[in-house]
């Protein structure tokens, strides 16, 4: 399932297709935000966070620069420029035997980027409510 899950994720990112998240995420998926202290559980809240991230992160400068994958997990390093700030981070993704994502963790650096992402994600999530 490694290639199918990763290929599907990369296609969603490439096409900015948030509607495809429903089929890719497990019902009990857990999302770990770089700016929220507690893990967020469930497909609905994870979809909300990832949909906001699609708008905040996925501009034309976004690109994955490295991928390390195992049979049921992967670490994808990314770079993007947002408002003139260079953001570097990783998406750590784990999926089940059916290929559905069960755990999604985002880590970001440097501090200036974390502060910017916190501000932009908060605004995007507020707008979704």
Protein backbone atom coordinates (compact mmCIF):
# COMPACT_ATOMS: atom_id res chain seq x y z
CA UNK A 1 0.00 0.00 0.00
CA UNK A 2 2.98 2.36 0.42
CA UNK A 3 3.02 3.56 -3.14
CA UNK A 4 -0.78 3.83 -3.38
CA UNK A 5 -1.13 5.88 -0.19
CA UNK A 6 1.81 8.14 -0.99
CA UNK A 7 0.81 8.48 -4.63
CA UNK A 8 -2.70 9.47 -3.58
CA UNK A 9 -1.36 12.01 -1.05
CA UNK A 10 0.99 13.54 -3.64
CA UNK A 11 -1.86 13.77 -6.15
CA UNK A 12 -4.10 15.54 -3.62
CA UNK A 13 -1.30 18.00 -2.88
CA UNK A 14 -0.53 18.52 -6.58
CA UNK A 15 -4.18 19.19 -7.46
CA UNK A 16 -5.03 20.94 -4.15
CA UNK A 17 -7.98 18.51 -3.89
CA UNK A 18 -9.30 18.57 -0.32
CA UNK A 19 -12.32 16.45 -1.33
CA UNK A 20 -10.00 13.46 -1.73
CA UNK A 21 -9.13 13.56 1.96
CA UNK A 22 -12.32 11.74 2.95
CA UNK A 23 -11.30 8.53 1.19
CA UNK A 24 -7.67 8.76 2.30
CA UNK A 25 -8.18 9.36 6.05
CA UNK A 26 -9.19 6.65 8.51
CA UNK A 27 -12.18 7.46 10.72
CA UNK A 28 -10.02 7.55 13.86
CA UNK A 29 -7.07 9.43 12.33
CA UNK A 30 -5.02 11.55 14.73
CA UNK A 31 -3.55 14.89 13.63
CA UNK A 32 -0.57 16.47 15.40
CA UNK A 33 -0.27 20.18 14.66
CA UNK A 34 2.99 22.07 15.13
CA UNK A 35 1.11 24.81 16.97
CA UNK A 36 -1.62 22.97 18.93
CA UNK A 37 -0.55 21.24 22.16
CA UNK A 38 -2.94 18.27 22.08
CA UNK A 39 -3.40 15.73 19.29
CA UNK A 40 -6.62 16.19 17.35
CA UNK A 41 -8.60 12.96 16.87
CA UNK A 42 -11.07 12.03 14.17
CA UNK A 43 -11.60 12.41 10.46
CA UNK A 44 -13.69 15.61 10.70
CA UNK A 45 -11.15 17.65 12.68
CA UNK A 46 -8.19 16.26 10.72
CA UNK A 47 -9.93 17.15 7.47
CA UNK A 48 -10.53 20.66 8.82
CA UNK A 49 -6.83 21.12 9.70
CA UNK A 50 -5.54 19.62 6.46
CA UNK A 51 -8.00 21.65 4.36
CA UNK A 52 -6.76 24.84 6.03
CA UNK A 53 -3.18 23.71 5.45
CA UNK A 54 -3.91 23.18 1.75
CA UNK A 55 -4.77 26.89 1.54
CA UNK A 56 -1.91 28.14 3.74
CA UNK A 57 0.96 25.94 2.53
CA UNK A 58 0.27 24.85 -1.01
CA UNK A 59 1.27 27.87 -3.06
CA UNK A 60 3.42 27.56 -6.21
CA UNK A 61 6.65 27.54 -4.17
CA UNK A 62 5.65 24.44 -2.15
CA UNK A 63 7.69 21.34 -2.84
CA UNK A 64 8.65 18.13 -1.16
CA UNK A 65 12.45 17.89 -1.16
CA UNK A 66 12.96 14.49 0.47
CA UNK A 67 10.94 11.37 1.11
CA UNK A 68 11.78 8.47 3.41
CA UNK A 69 9.18 5.69 3.23
CA UNK A 70 8.60 2.36 4.93
CA UNK A 71 5.88 -0.24 4.41
CA UNK A 72 3.23 1.74 6.34
CA UNK A 73 4.75 5.13 7.07
CA UNK A 74 6.67 8.00 5.50
CA UNK A 75 8.45 11.22 6.35
CA UNK A 76 8.14 13.92 3.69
CA UNK A 77 10.35 16.99 4.05
CA UNK A 78 8.97 20.15 2.48
CA UNK A 79 9.97 23.73 1.74
CA UNK A 80 7.72 26.66 0.94
CA UNK A 81 7.92 30.44 1.02
CA UNK A 82 5.01 32.26 2.64
CA UNK A 83 4.91 36.04 2.91
CA UNK A 84 8.65 36.17 2.27
CA UNK A 85 9.47 33.68 5.02
CA UNK A 86 11.15 30.38 4.20
CA UNK A 87 9.33 27.52 5.90
CA UNK A 88 10.97 24.10 6.27
CA UNK A 89 9.13 21.16 7.74
CA UNK A 90 8.18 17.52 7.65
CA UNK A 91 4.95 15.61 7.30
CA UNK A 92 5.13 12.32 9.20
CA UNK A 93 2.40 10.03 7.90
CA UNK A 94 1.38 6.55 9.04
CA UNK A 95 -1.36 4.43 7.46
CA UNK A 96 -3.15 1.17 8.15
CA UNK A 97 -3.21 -2.05 6.13
CA UNK A 98 -6.05 -0.64 3.99
CA UNK A 99 -3.90 2.36 3.05
CA UNK A 100 -5.89 4.89 5.08
CA UNK A 101 -3.94 7.49 7.01
CA UNK A 102 -4.19 6.88 10.78
CA UNK A 103 -1.63 9.41 12.03
CA UNK A 104 -0.44 12.71 10.52
CA UNK A 105 2.18 14.84 12.27
CA UNK A 106 3.55 18.16 11.02
CA UNK A 107 6.79 19.65 12.33
CA UNK A 108 8.04 23.09 11.22
CA UNK A 109 11.13 25.24 11.60
CA UNK A 110 12.41 27.95 12.18
CA UNK A 111 10.57 29.80 14.97
CA UNK A 112 9.73 32.71 12.64
CA UNK A 113 7.98 30.20 10.36
CA UNK A 114 6.11 28.57 13.24
CA UNK A 115 4.78 31.96 14.36
CA UNK A 116 3.65 32.78 10.82
CA UNK A 117 1.96 29.39 10.35
CA UNK A 118 0.23 29.73 13.71
CA UNK A 119 -1.23 33.09 12.68
CA UNK A 120 -2.30 31.96 9.20
CA UNK A 121 -3.75 28.61 10.29
CA UNK A 122 -5.72 30.25 13.12
CA UNK A 123 -7.22 32.73 10.65
CA UNK A 124 -8.05 29.96 8.15
CA UNK A 125 -9.63 27.72 10.78
CA UNK A 126 -11.64 30.66 12.15
CA UNK A 127 -12.93 31.40 8.66
CA UNK A 128 -14.10 27.77 8.28
CA UNK A 129 -16.38 28.03 11.34
